[in-house]
Amino acid sequence: IGIMNIMLVSVTERTREIGVRVAVGARPRDILAQFLIEALTLAVLGGIIGAAVGLGVAKLLAAQFGWPMLVRPDVALLAIGFSGLVGVVFGLYPARKASLLDPIDALRYE
């Protein structure tokens, strides 16, 4: 939900930019792709940071208490992939909203 809110604010703040891009020939799917890529990037970077922090805390606790630790890269990649999927799903509404903006109204937006 946080990704969707961030992307909705981004669409609102960049309405004029979207209008200019559409006015000079960008297709709705180009605008859609731009915002979906931004949402995906945001989500995947968040997933990578989360996995790194989780691994660091796990290593710290394992060293402090003498616990064994097993790191499965496939599970970490699955978690990061799921994070990207969540980014695309929750970025779809703002991206679609941006791609359907009328260029005339977008250029008038202040």
PDB file of N, CA and C in Angstrom:
ATOM      1  N   ILE A   1       0.835  -1.185   0.000  1.00  0.00           N
ATOM      2  CA  ILE A   1       0.000   0.000   0.000  1.00  0.00           C
ATOM      3  C   ILE A   1       0.877   1.244   0.000  1.00  0.00           C
ATOM      4  N   GLY A   2       2.003   1.165   0.679  1.00  0.00           N
ATOM      5  CA  GLY A   2       2.934   2.296   0.701  1.00  0.00           C
ATOM      6  C   GLY A   2       3.455   2.613  -0.683  1.00  0.00           C
ATOM      7  N   ILE A   3       3.726   1.580  -1.459  1.00  0.00           N
ATOM      8  CA  ILE A   3       4.206   1.792  -2.826  1.00  0.00           C
ATOM      9  C   ILE A   3       3.132   2.489  -3.647  1.00  0.00           C
ATOM     10  N   MET A   4       1.886   2.068  -3.487  1.00  0.00           N
ATOM     11  CA  MET A   4       0.804   2.692  -4.242  1.00  0.00           C
ATOM     12  C   MET A   4       0.673   4.164  -3.860  1.00  0.00           C
ATOM     13  N   ASN A   5       0.763   4.474  -2.581  1.00  0.00           N
ATOM     14  CA  ASN A   5       0.663   5.865  -2.155  1.00  0.00           C
ATOM     15  C   ASN A   5       1.815   6.703  -2.700  1.00  0.00           C
ATOM     16  N   ILE A   6       3.015   6.175  -2.645  1.00  0.00           N
ATOM     17  CA  ILE A   6       4.166   6.896  -3.174  1.00  0.00           C
ATOM     18  C   ILE A   6       4.001   7.131  -4.672  1.00  0.00           C
ATOM     19  N   MET A   7       3.538   6.124  -5.381  1.00  0.00           N
ATOM     20  CA  MET A   7       3.374   6.265  -6.822  1.00  0.00           C
ATOM     21  C   MET A   7       2.229   7.221  -7.168  1.00  0.00           C
ATOM     22  N   LEU A   8       1.155   7.216  -6.375  1.00  0.00           N
ATOM     23  CA  LEU A   8       0.065   8.166  -6.621  1.00  0.00           C
ATOM     24  C   LEU A   8       0.545   9.606  -6.426  1.00  0.00           C
ATOM     25  N   VAL A   9       1.340   9.834  -5.410  1.00  0.00           N
ATOM     26  CA  VAL A   9       1.909  11.168  -5.192  1.00  0.00           C
ATOM     27  C   VAL A   9       2.838  11.526  -6.346  1.00  0.00           C
ATOM     28  N   SER A  10       3.612  10.574  -6.806  1.00  0.00           N
ATOM     29  CA  SER A  10       4.515  10.815  -7.932  1.00  0.00           C
ATOM     30  C   SER A  10       3.742  11.196  -9.190  1.00  0.00           C
ATOM     31  N   VAL A  11       2.639  10.510  -9.451  1.00  0.00           N
ATOM     32  CA  VAL A  11       1.804  10.833 -10.619  1.00  0.00           C
ATOM     33  C   VAL A  11       1.230  12.236 -10.480  1.00  0.00           C
ATOM     34  N   THR A  12       0.759  12.560  -9.290  1.00  0.00           N
ATOM     35  CA  THR A  12       0.174  13.879  -9.062  1.00  0.00           C
ATOM     36  C   THR A  12       1.213  14.980  -9.230  1.00  0.00           C
ATOM     37  N   GLU A  13       2.406  14.764  -8.693  1.00  0.00           N
ATOM     38  CA  GLU A  13       3.453  15.781  -8.789  1.00  0.00           C
ATOM     39  C   GLU A  13       3.985  15.928 -10.212  1.00  0.00           C
ATOM     40  N   ARG A  14       3.893  14.897 -11.003  1.00  0.00           N
ATOM     41  CA  ARG A  14       4.481  14.919 -12.346  1.00  0.00           C
ATOM     42  C   ARG A  14       3.435  14.991 -13.447  1.00  0.00           C
ATOM     43  N   THR A  15       2.263  15.500 -13.116  1.00  0.00           N
ATOM     44  CA  THR A  15       1.179  15.567 -14.091  1.00  0.00           C
ATOM     45  C   THR A  15       1.577  16.379 -15.318  1.00  0.00           C
ATOM     46  N   ARG A  16       2.217  17.511 -15.107  1.00  0.00           N
ATOM     47  CA  ARG A  16       2.639  18.339 -16.247  1.00  0.00           C
ATOM     48  C   ARG A  16       3.664  17.600 -17.111  1.00  0.00           C
ATOM     49  N   GLU A  17       4.591  16.915 -16.482  1.00  0.00           N
ATOM     50  CA  GLU A  17       5.588  16.149 -17.235  1.00  0.00           C
ATOM     51  C   GLU A  17       4.908  15.083 -18.091  1.00  0.00           C
ATOM     52  N   ILE A  18       3.919  14.416 -17.520  1.00  0.00           N
ATOM     53  CA  ILE A  18       3.183  13.392 -18.262  1.00  0.00           C
ATOM     54  C   ILE A  18       2.467  14.032 -19.443  1.00  0.00           C
ATOM     55  N   GLY A  19       1.864  15.199 -19.214  1.00  0.00           N
ATOM     56  CA  GLY A  19       1.186  15.910 -20.294  1.00  0.00           C
ATOM     57  C   GLY A  19       2.132  16.277 -21.418  1.00  0.00           C
ATOM     58  N   VAL A  20       3.321  16.744 -21.068  1.00  0.00           N
ATOM     59  CA  VAL A  20       4.312  17.096 -22.095  1.00  0.00           C
ATOM     60  C   VAL A  20       4.736  15.853 -22.860  1.00  0.00           C
ATOM     61  N   ARG A  21       4.986  14.762 -22.144  1.00  0.00           N
ATOM     62  CA  ARG A  21       5.407  13.535 -22.827  1.00  0.00           C
ATOM     63  C   ARG A  21       4.345  13.044 -23.799  1.00  0.00           C
ATOM     64  N   VAL A  22       3.076  13.099 -23.383  1.00  0.00           N
ATOM     65  CA  VAL A  22       1.982  12.654 -24.259  1.00  0.00           C
ATOM     66  C   VAL A  22       1.846  13.621 -25.437  1.00  0.00           C
ATOM     67  N   ALA A  23       2.000  14.915 -25.172  1.00  0.00           N
ATOM     68  CA  ALA A  23       1.854  15.909 -26.233  1.00  0.00           C
ATOM     69  C   ALA A  23       2.921  15.761 -27.312  1.00  0.00           C
ATOM     70  N   VAL A  24       4.111  15.288 -26.943  1.00  0.00           N
ATOM     71  CA  VAL A  24       5.170  15.128 -27.942  1.00  0.00           C
ATOM     72  C   VAL A  24       5.218  13.720 -28.528  1.00  0.00           C
ATOM     73  N   GLY A  25       4.237  12.887 -28.168  1.00  0.00           N
ATOM     74  CA  GLY A  25       4.124  11.611 -28.865  1.00  0.00           C
ATOM     75  C   GLY A  25       4.224  10.348 -28.036  1.00  0.00           C
ATOM     76  N   ALA A  26       4.362  10.464 -26.733  1.00  0.00           N
ATOM     77  CA  ALA A  26       4.414   9.247 -25.916  1.00  0.00           C
ATOM     78  C   ALA A  26       3.049   8.569 -25.927  1.00  0.00           C
ATOM     79  N   ARG A  27       3.062   7.264 -26.100  1.00  0.00           N
ATOM     80  CA  ARG A  27       1.814   6.508 -26.080  1.00  0.00           C
ATOM     81  C   ARG A  27       1.438   6.170 -24.640  1.00  0.00           C
ATOM     82  N   PRO A  28       0.168   5.907 -24.391  1.00  0.00           N
ATOM     83  CA  PRO A  28      -0.241   5.538 -23.029  1.00  0.00           C
ATOM     84  C   PRO A  28       0.545   4.355 -22.465  1.00  0.00           C
ATOM     85  N   ARG A  29       0.893   3.401 -23.312  1.00  0.00           N
ATOM     86  CA  ARG A  29       1.642   2.255 -22.797  1.00  0.00           C
ATOM     87  C   ARG A  29       3.074   2.643 -22.408  1.00  0.00           C
ATOM     88  N   ASP A  30       3.635   3.709 -23.030  1.00  0.00           N
ATOM     89  CA  ASP A  30       4.949   4.199 -22.627  1.00  0.00           C
ATOM     90  C   ASP A  30       4.893   4.797 -21.227  1.00  0.00           C
ATOM     91  N   ILE A  31       3.843   5.556 -20.959  1.00  0.00           N
ATOM     92  CA  ILE A  31       3.657   6.149 -19.637  1.00  0.00           C
ATOM     93  C   ILE A  31       3.411   5.046 -18.611  1.00  0.00           C
ATOM     94  N   LEU A  32       2.576   4.082 -18.971  1.00  0.00           N
ATOM     95  CA  LEU A  32       2.298   2.946 -18.093  1.00  0.00           C
ATOM     96  C   LEU A  32       3.590   2.202 -17.762  1.00  0.00           C
ATOM     97  N   ALA A  33       4.397   1.936 -18.774  1.00  0.00           N
ATOM     98  CA  ALA A  33       5.653   1.212 -18.566  1.00  0.00           C
ATOM     99  C   ALA A  33       6.597   2.003 -17.664  1.00  0.00           C
ATOM    100  N   GLN A  34       6.679   3.307 -17.858  1.00  0.00           N
ATOM    101  CA  GLN A  34       7.557   4.131 -17.032  1.00  0.00           C
ATOM    102  C   GLN A  34       7.199   4.010 -15.554  1.00  0.00           C
ATOM    103  N   PHE A  35       5.930   4.154 -15.241  1.00  0.00           N
ATOM    104  CA  PHE A  35       5.533   4.114 -13.840  1.00  0.00           C
ATOM    105  C   PHE A  35       5.584   2.702 -13.258  1.00  0.00           C
ATOM    106  N   LEU A  36       5.331   1.693 -14.081  1.00  0.00           N
ATOM    107  CA  LEU A  36       5.469   0.318 -13.583  1.00  0.00           C
ATOM    108  C   LEU A  36       6.932  -0.013 -13.297  1.00  0.00           C
ATOM    109  N   ILE A  37       7.834   0.458 -14.147  1.00  0.00           N
ATOM    110  CA  ILE A  37       9.264   0.226 -13.916  1.00  0.00           C
ATOM    111  C   ILE A  37       9.713   0.944 -12.643  1.00  0.00           C
ATOM    112  N   GLU A  38       9.212   2.148 -12.421  1.00  0.00           N
ATOM    113  CA  GLU A  38       9.552   2.866 -11.194  1.00  0.00           C
ATOM    114  C   GLU A  38       9.046   2.122  -9.963  1.00  0.00           C
ATOM    115  N   ALA A  39       7.816   1.620 -10.012  1.00  0.00           N
ATOM    116  CA  ALA A  39       7.263   0.872  -8.880  1.00  0.00           C
ATOM    117  C   ALA A  39       8.040  -0.422  -8.652  1.00  0.00           C
ATOM    118  N   LEU A  40       8.395  -1.105  -9.733  1.00  0.00           N
ATOM    119  CA  LEU A  40       9.164  -2.340  -9.636  1.00  0.00           C
ATOM    120  C   LEU A  40      10.535  -2.069  -9.028  1.00  0.00           C
ATOM    121  N   THR A  41      11.192  -1.023  -9.487  1.00  0.00           N
ATOM    122  CA  THR A  41      12.510  -0.674  -8.966  1.00  0.00           C
ATOM    123  C   THR A  41      12.437  -0.353  -7.476  1.00  0.00           C
ATOM    124  N   LEU A  42      11.444   0.431  -7.098  1.00  0.00           N
ATOM    125  CA  LEU A  42      11.262   0.788  -5.694  1.00  0.00           C
ATOM    126  C   LEU A  42      11.043  -0.452  -4.836  1.00  0.00           C
ATOM    127  N   ALA A  43      10.213  -1.357  -5.296  1.00  0.00           N
ATOM    128  CA  ALA A  43       9.896  -2.558  -4.526  1.00  0.00           C
ATOM    129  C   ALA A  43      11.083  -3.515  -4.436  1.00  0.00           C
ATOM    130  N   VAL A  44      11.783  -3.710  -5.547  1.00  0.00           N
ATOM    131  CA  VAL A  44      12.920  -4.635  -5.542  1.00  0.00           C
ATOM    132  C   VAL A  44      14.051  -4.092  -4.673  1.00  0.00           C
ATOM    133  N   LEU A  45      14.315  -2.796  -4.767  1.00  0.00           N
ATOM    134  CA  LEU A  45      15.350  -2.219  -3.901  1.00  0.00           C
ATOM    135  C   LEU A  45      14.960  -2.351  -2.429  1.00  0.00           C
ATOM    136  N   GLY A  46      13.695  -2.139  -2.122  1.00  0.00           N
ATOM    137  CA  GLY A  46      13.222  -2.352  -0.754  1.00  0.00           C
ATOM    138  C   GLY A  46      13.389  -3.794  -0.318  1.00  0.00           C
ATOM    139  N   GLY A  47      13.115  -4.728  -1.226  1.00  0.00           N
ATOM    140  CA  GLY A  47      13.289  -6.146  -0.918  1.00  0.00           C
ATOM    141  C   GLY A  47      14.748  -6.512  -0.682  1.00  0.00           C
ATOM    142  N   ILE A  48      15.641  -5.948  -1.482  1.00  0.00           N
ATOM    143  CA  ILE A  48      17.074  -6.214  -1.316  1.00  0.00           C
ATOM    144  C   ILE A  48      17.565  -5.649   0.010  1.00  0.00           C
ATOM    145  N   ILE A  49      17.160  -4.422   0.322  1.00  0.00           N
ATOM    146  CA  ILE A  49      17.565  -3.815   1.595  1.00  0.00           C
ATOM    147  C   ILE A  49      17.011  -4.616   2.769  1.00  0.00           C
ATOM    148  N   GLY A  50      15.753  -5.031   2.666  1.00  0.00           N
ATOM    149  CA  GLY A  50      15.149  -5.837   3.724  1.00  0.00           C
ATOM    150  C   GLY A  50      15.860  -7.168   3.914  1.00  0.00           C
ATOM    151  N   ALA A  51      16.213  -7.814   2.816  1.00  0.00           N
ATOM    152  CA  ALA A  51      16.918  -9.096   2.910  1.00  0.00           C
ATOM    153  C   ALA A  51      18.312  -8.901   3.512  1.00  0.00           C
ATOM    154  N   ALA A  52      18.980  -7.820   3.133  1.00  0.00           N
ATOM    155  CA  ALA A  52      20.315  -7.550   3.679  1.00  0.00           C
ATOM    156  C   ALA A  52      20.253  -7.256   5.174  1.00  0.00           C
ATOM    157  N   VAL A  53      19.275  -6.458   5.582  1.00  0.00           N
ATOM    158  CA  VAL A  53      19.121  -6.157   7.016  1.00  0.00           C
ATOM    159  C   VAL A  53      18.771  -7.435   7.776  1.00  0.00           C
ATOM    160  N   GLY A  54      17.868  -8.229   7.236  1.00  0.00           N
ATOM    161  CA  GLY A  54      17.497  -9.489   7.883  1.00  0.00           C
ATOM    162  C   GLY A  54      18.680 -10.438   8.013  1.00  0.00           C
ATOM    163  N   LEU A  55      19.492 -10.522   6.970  1.00  0.00           N
ATOM    164  CA  LEU A  55      20.681 -11.377   7.014  1.00  0.00           C
ATOM    165  C   LEU A  55      21.672 -10.861   8.046  1.00  0.00           C
ATOM    166  N   GLY A  56      21.857  -9.549   8.090  1.00  0.00           N
ATOM    167  CA  GLY A  56      22.782  -8.967   9.068  1.00  0.00           C
ATOM    168  C   GLY A  56      22.335  -9.208  10.500  1.00  0.00           C
ATOM    169  N   VAL A  57      21.064  -9.005  10.775  1.00  0.00           N
ATOM    170  CA  VAL A  57      20.535  -9.241  12.127  1.00  0.00           C
ATOM    171  C   VAL A  57      20.629 -10.723  12.472  1.00  0.00           C
ATOM    172  N   ALA A  58      20.337 -11.586  11.515  1.00  0.00           N
ATOM    173  CA  ALA A  58      20.428 -13.028  11.770  1.00  0.00           C
ATOM    174  C   ALA A  58      21.866 -13.435  12.079  1.00  0.00           C
ATOM    175  N   LYS A  59      22.824 -12.891  11.343  1.00  0.00           N
ATOM    176  CA  LYS A  59      24.234 -13.200  11.611  1.00  0.00           C
ATOM    177  C   LYS A  59      24.647 -12.696  12.986  1.00  0.00           C
ATOM    178  N   LEU A  60      24.195 -11.510  13.330  1.00  0.00           N
ATOM    179  CA  LEU A  60      24.526 -10.938  14.633  1.00  0.00           C
ATOM    180  C   LEU A  60      23.971 -11.802  15.762  1.00  0.00           C
ATOM    181  N   LEU A  61      22.702 -12.197  15.656  1.00  0.00           N
ATOM    182  CA  LEU A  61      22.095 -13.040  16.688  1.00  0.00           C
ATOM    183  C   LEU A  61      22.737 -14.423  16.740  1.00  0.00           C
ATOM    184  N   ALA A  62      23.057 -14.982  15.578  1.00  0.00           N
ATOM    185  CA  ALA A  62      23.683 -16.306  15.543  1.00  0.00           C
ATOM    186  C   ALA A  62      25.057 -16.264  16.208  1.00  0.00           C
ATOM    187  N   ALA A  63      25.810 -15.194  15.951  1.00  0.00           N
ATOM    188  CA  ALA A  63      27.134 -15.082  16.565  1.00  0.00           C
ATOM    189  C   ALA A  63      27.032 -14.834  18.065  1.00  0.00           C
ATOM    190  N   GLN A  64      26.083 -14.026  18.467  1.00  0.00           N
ATOM    191  CA  GLN A  64      25.961 -13.680  19.887  1.00  0.00           C
ATOM    192  C   GLN A  64      25.490 -14.855  20.737  1.00  0.00           C
ATOM    193  N   PHE A  65      24.576 -15.649  20.225  1.00  0.00           N
ATOM    194  CA  PHE A  65      24.015 -16.739  21.017  1.00  0.00           C
ATOM    195  C   PHE A  65      24.556 -18.115  20.631  1.00  0.00           C
ATOM    196  N   GLY A  66      25.438 -18.160  19.651  1.00  0.00           N
ATOM    197  CA  GLY A  66      26.012 -19.437  19.241  1.00  0.00           C
ATOM    198  C   GLY A  66      25.047 -20.333  18.489  1.00  0.00           C
ATOM    199  N   TRP A  67      24.066 -19.748  17.869  1.00  0.00           N
ATOM    200  CA  TRP A  67      23.090 -20.516  17.104  1.00  0.00           C
ATOM    201  C   TRP A  67      23.642 -20.838  15.711  1.00  0.00           C
ATOM    202  N   PRO A  68      23.274 -21.989  15.182  1.00  0.00           N
ATOM    203  CA  PRO A  68      23.658 -22.260  13.788  1.00  0.00           C
ATOM    204  C   PRO A  68      22.800 -21.415  12.847  1.00  0.00           C
ATOM    205  N   MET A  69      23.359 -21.101  11.706  1.00  0.00           N
ATOM    206  CA  MET A  69      22.625 -20.270  10.753  1.00  0.00           C
ATOM    207  C   MET A  69      22.731 -20.884   9.364  1.00  0.00           C
ATOM    208  N   LEU A  70      21.614 -20.971   8.704  1.00  0.00           N
ATOM    209  CA  LEU A  70      21.563 -21.497   7.349  1.00  0.00           C
ATOM    210  C   LEU A  70      20.958 -20.428   6.449  1.00  0.00           C
ATOM    211  N   VAL A  71      21.692 -20.053   5.434  1.00  0.00           N
ATOM    212  CA  VAL A  71      21.200 -19.060   4.481  1.00  0.00           C
ATOM    213  C   VAL A  71      20.885 -19.786   3.183  1.00  0.00           C
ATOM    214  N   ARG A  72      19.634 -19.667   2.753  1.00  0.00           N
ATOM    215  CA  ARG A  72      19.225 -20.288   1.491  1.00  0.00           C
ATOM    216  C   ARG A  72      19.020 -19.193   0.454  1.00  0.00           C
ATOM    217  N   PRO A  73      19.911 -19.077  -0.500  1.00  0.00           N
ATOM    218  CA  PRO A  73      19.799 -18.019  -1.510  1.00  0.00           C
ATOM    219  C   PRO A  73      18.509 -18.106  -2.319  1.00  0.00           C
ATOM    220  N   ASP A  74      18.001 -19.322  -2.542  1.00  0.00           N
ATOM    221  CA  ASP A  74      16.771 -19.455  -3.313  1.00  0.00           C
ATOM    222  C   ASP A  74      15.587 -18.819  -2.590  1.00  0.00           C
ATOM    223  N   VAL A  75      15.551 -18.928  -1.262  1.00  0.00           N
ATOM    224  CA  VAL A  75      14.472 -18.322  -0.487  1.00  0.00           C
ATOM    225  C   VAL A  75      14.609 -16.794  -0.503  1.00  0.00           C
ATOM    226  N   ALA A  76      15.844 -16.305  -0.407  1.00  0.00           N
ATOM    227  CA  ALA A  76      16.072 -14.856  -0.459  1.00  0.00           C
ATOM    228  C   ALA A  76      15.659 -14.301  -1.819  1.00  0.00           C
ATOM    229  N   LEU A  77      16.000 -14.989  -2.884  1.00  0.00           N
ATOM    230  CA  LEU A  77      15.604 -14.538  -4.226  1.00  0.00           C
ATOM    231  C   LEU A  77      14.093 -14.605  -4.415  1.00  0.00           C
ATOM    232  N   LEU A  78      13.469 -15.617  -3.836  1.00  0.00           N
ATOM    233  CA  LEU A  78      12.016 -15.728  -3.895  1.00  0.00           C
ATOM    234  C   LEU A  78      11.360 -14.547  -3.174  1.00  0.00           C
ATOM    235  N   ALA A  79      11.899 -14.173  -2.026  1.00  0.00           N
ATOM    236  CA  ALA A  79      11.356 -13.050  -1.265  1.00  0.00           C
ATOM    237  C   ALA A  79      11.523 -11.746  -2.046  1.00  0.00           C
ATOM    238  N   ILE A  80      12.667 -11.553  -2.667  1.00  0.00           N
ATOM    239  CA  ILE A  80      12.902 -10.343  -3.451  1.00  0.00           C
ATOM    240  C   ILE A  80      12.002 -10.337  -4.688  1.00  0.00           C
ATOM    241  N   GLY A  81      11.825 -11.488  -5.301  1.00  0.00           N
ATOM    242  CA  GLY A  81      10.912 -11.598  -6.442  1.00  0.00           C
ATOM    243  C   GLY A  81       9.474 -11.300  -6.048  1.00  0.00           C
ATOM    244  N   PHE A  82       9.065 -11.786  -4.889  1.00  0.00           N
ATOM    245  CA  PHE A  82       7.713 -11.500  -4.406  1.00  0.00           C
ATOM    246  C   PHE A  82       7.561 -10.013  -4.121  1.00  0.00           C
ATOM    247  N   SER A  83       8.601  -9.404  -3.609  1.00  0.00           N
ATOM    248  CA  SER A  83       8.586  -7.963  -3.371  1.00  0.00           C
ATOM    249  C   SER A  83       8.370  -7.217  -4.692  1.00  0.00           C
ATOM    250  N   GLY A  84       9.050  -7.647  -5.739  1.00  0.00           N
ATOM    251  CA  GLY A  84       8.857  -7.038  -7.058  1.00  0.00           C
ATOM    252  C   GLY A  84       7.446  -7.231  -7.577  1.00  0.00           C
ATOM    253  N   LEU A  85       6.882  -8.415  -7.360  1.00  0.00           N
ATOM    254  CA  LEU A  85       5.501  -8.685  -7.778  1.00  0.00           C
ATOM    255  C   LEU A  85       4.524  -7.763  -7.056  1.00  0.00           C
ATOM    256  N   VAL A  86       4.732  -7.593  -5.761  1.00  0.00           N
ATOM    257  CA  VAL A  86       3.879  -6.686  -4.984  1.00  0.00           C
ATOM    258  C   VAL A  86       4.004  -5.260  -5.533  1.00  0.00           C
ATOM    259  N   GLY A  87       5.224  -4.856  -5.889  1.00  0.00           N
ATOM    260  CA  GLY A  87       5.435  -3.525  -6.463  1.00  0.00           C
ATOM    261  C   GLY A  87       4.668  -3.326  -7.755  1.00  0.00           C
ATOM    262  N   VAL A  88       4.683  -4.335  -8.607  1.00  0.00           N
ATOM    263  CA  VAL A  88       3.962  -4.224  -9.877  1.00  0.00           C
ATOM    264  C   VAL A  88       2.454  -4.197  -9.643  1.00  0.00           C
ATOM    265  N   VAL A  89       1.969  -5.057  -8.758  1.00  0.00           N
ATOM    266  CA  VAL A  89       0.523  -5.112  -8.492  1.00  0.00           C
ATOM    267  C   VAL A  89       0.024  -3.790  -7.920  1.00  0.00           C
ATOM    268  N   PHE A  90       0.744  -3.259  -6.935  1.00  0.00           N
ATOM    269  CA  PHE A  90       0.292  -2.024  -6.307  1.00  0.00           C
ATOM    270  C   PHE A  90       0.708  -0.781  -7.092  1.00  0.00           C
ATOM    271  N   GLY A  91       1.583  -0.931  -8.057  1.00  0.00           N
ATOM    272  CA  GLY A  91       1.945   0.191  -8.919  1.00  0.00           C
ATOM    273  C   GLY A  91       1.081   0.270 -10.169  1.00  0.00           C
ATOM    274  N   LEU A  92       0.277  -0.756 -10.388  1.00  0.00           N
ATOM    275  CA  LEU A  92      -0.547  -0.801 -11.591  1.00  0.00           C
ATOM    276  C   LEU A  92      -1.606   0.295 -11.613  1.00  0.00           C
ATOM    277  N   TYR A  93      -2.291   0.529 -10.505  1.00  0.00           N
ATOM    278  CA  TYR A  93      -3.338   1.560 -10.468  1.00  0.00           C
ATOM    279  C   TYR A  93      -2.770   2.953 -10.740  1.00  0.00           C
ATOM    280  N   PRO A  94      -1.705   3.382 -10.043  1.00  0.00           N
ATOM    281  CA  PRO A  94      -1.151   4.709 -10.349  1.00  0.00           C
ATOM    282  C   PRO A  94      -0.610   4.806 -11.780  1.00  0.00           C
ATOM    283  N   ALA A  95      -0.010   3.732 -12.268  1.00  0.00           N
ATOM    284  CA  ALA A  95       0.529   3.751 -13.627  1.00  0.00           C
ATOM    285  C   ALA A  95      -0.595   3.873 -14.651  1.00  0.00           C
ATOM    286  N   ARG A  96      -1.674   3.151 -14.408  1.00  0.00           N
ATOM    287  CA  ARG A  96      -2.826   3.241 -15.316  1.00  0.00           C
ATOM    288  C   ARG A  96      -3.450   4.625 -15.253  1.00  0.00           C
ATOM    289  N   LYS A  97      -3.540   5.175 -14.054  1.00  0.00           N
ATOM    290  CA  LYS A  97      -4.080   6.526 -13.893  1.00  0.00           C
ATOM    291  C   LYS A  97      -3.233   7.532 -14.674  1.00  0.00           C
ATOM    292  N   ALA A  98      -1.927   7.385 -14.615  1.00  0.00           N
ATOM    293  CA  ALA A  98      -1.034   8.287 -15.344  1.00  0.00           C
ATOM    294  C   ALA A  98      -1.178   8.112 -16.853  1.00  0.00           C
ATOM    295  N   SER A  99      -1.331   6.874 -17.298  1.00  0.00           N
ATOM    296  CA  SER A  99      -1.398   6.625 -18.737  1.00  0.00           C
ATOM    297  C   SER A  99      -2.712   7.103 -19.349  1.00  0.00           C
ATOM    298  N   LEU A 100      -3.743   7.267 -18.536  1.00  0.00           N
ATOM    299  CA  LEU A 100      -5.045   7.693 -19.050  1.00  0.00           C
ATOM    300  C   LEU A 100      -5.287   9.196 -18.921  1.00  0.00           C
ATOM    301  N   LEU A 101      -4.267   9.936 -18.446  1.00  0.00           N
ATOM    302  CA  LEU A 101      -4.436  11.382 -18.320  1.00  0.00           C
ATOM    303  C   LEU A 101      -4.640  12.030 -19.684  1.00  0.00           C
ATOM    304  N   ASP A 102      -5.548  12.992 -19.734  1.00  0.00           N
ATOM    305  CA  ASP A 102      -5.751  13.760 -20.946  1.00  0.00           C
ATOM    306  C   ASP A 102      -4.621  14.773 -21.057  1.00  0.00           C
ATOM    307  N   PRO A 103      -3.909  14.844 -22.187  1.00  0.00           N
ATOM    308  CA  PRO A 103      -2.750  15.731 -22.271  1.00  0.00           C
ATOM    309  C   PRO A 103      -3.111  17.204 -22.086  1.00  0.00           C
ATOM    310  N   ILE A 104      -4.254  17.624 -22.527  1.00  0.00           N
ATOM    311  CA  ILE A 104      -4.663  19.036 -22.399  1.00  0.00           C
ATOM    312  C   ILE A 104      -4.879  19.375 -20.923  1.00  0.00           C
ATOM    313  N   ASP A 105      -5.610  18.508 -20.222  1.00  0.00           N
ATOM    314  CA  ASP A 105      -5.828  18.748 -18.793  1.00  0.00           C
ATOM    315  C   ASP A 105      -4.525  18.647 -18.010  1.00  0.00           C
ATOM    316  N   ALA A 106      -3.652  17.727 -18.407  1.00  0.00           N
ATOM    317  CA  ALA A 106      -2.379  17.558 -17.708  1.00  0.00           C
ATOM    318  C   ALA A 106      -1.486  18.785 -17.877  1.00  0.00           C
ATOM    319  N   LEU A 107      -1.504  19.384 -19.074  1.00  0.00           N
ATOM    320  CA  LEU A 107      -0.685  20.575 -19.296  1.00  0.00           C
ATOM    321  C   LEU A 107      -1.232  21.776 -18.560  1.00  0.00           C
ATOM    322  N   ARG A 108      -2.514  21.822 -18.313  1.00  0.00           N
ATOM    323  CA  ARG A 108      -3.119  22.920 -17.562  1.00  0.00           C
ATOM    324  C   ARG A 108      -2.940  22.776 -16.066  1.00  0.00           C
ATOM    325  N   TYR A 109      -2.614  21.589 -15.618  1.00  0.00           N
ATOM    326  CA  TYR A 109      -2.526  21.291 -14.185  1.00  0.00           C
ATOM    327  C   TYR A 109      -1.435  22.128 -13.520  1.00  0.00           C
ATOM    328  N   GLU A 110      -1.729  22.657 -12.340  1.00  0.00           N
ATOM    329  CA  GLU A 110      -0.728  23.436 -11.611  1.00  0.00           C
ATOM    330  C   GLU A 110      -0.460  22.844 -10.280  1.00  0.00           C
TER     331      GLU A 110
END
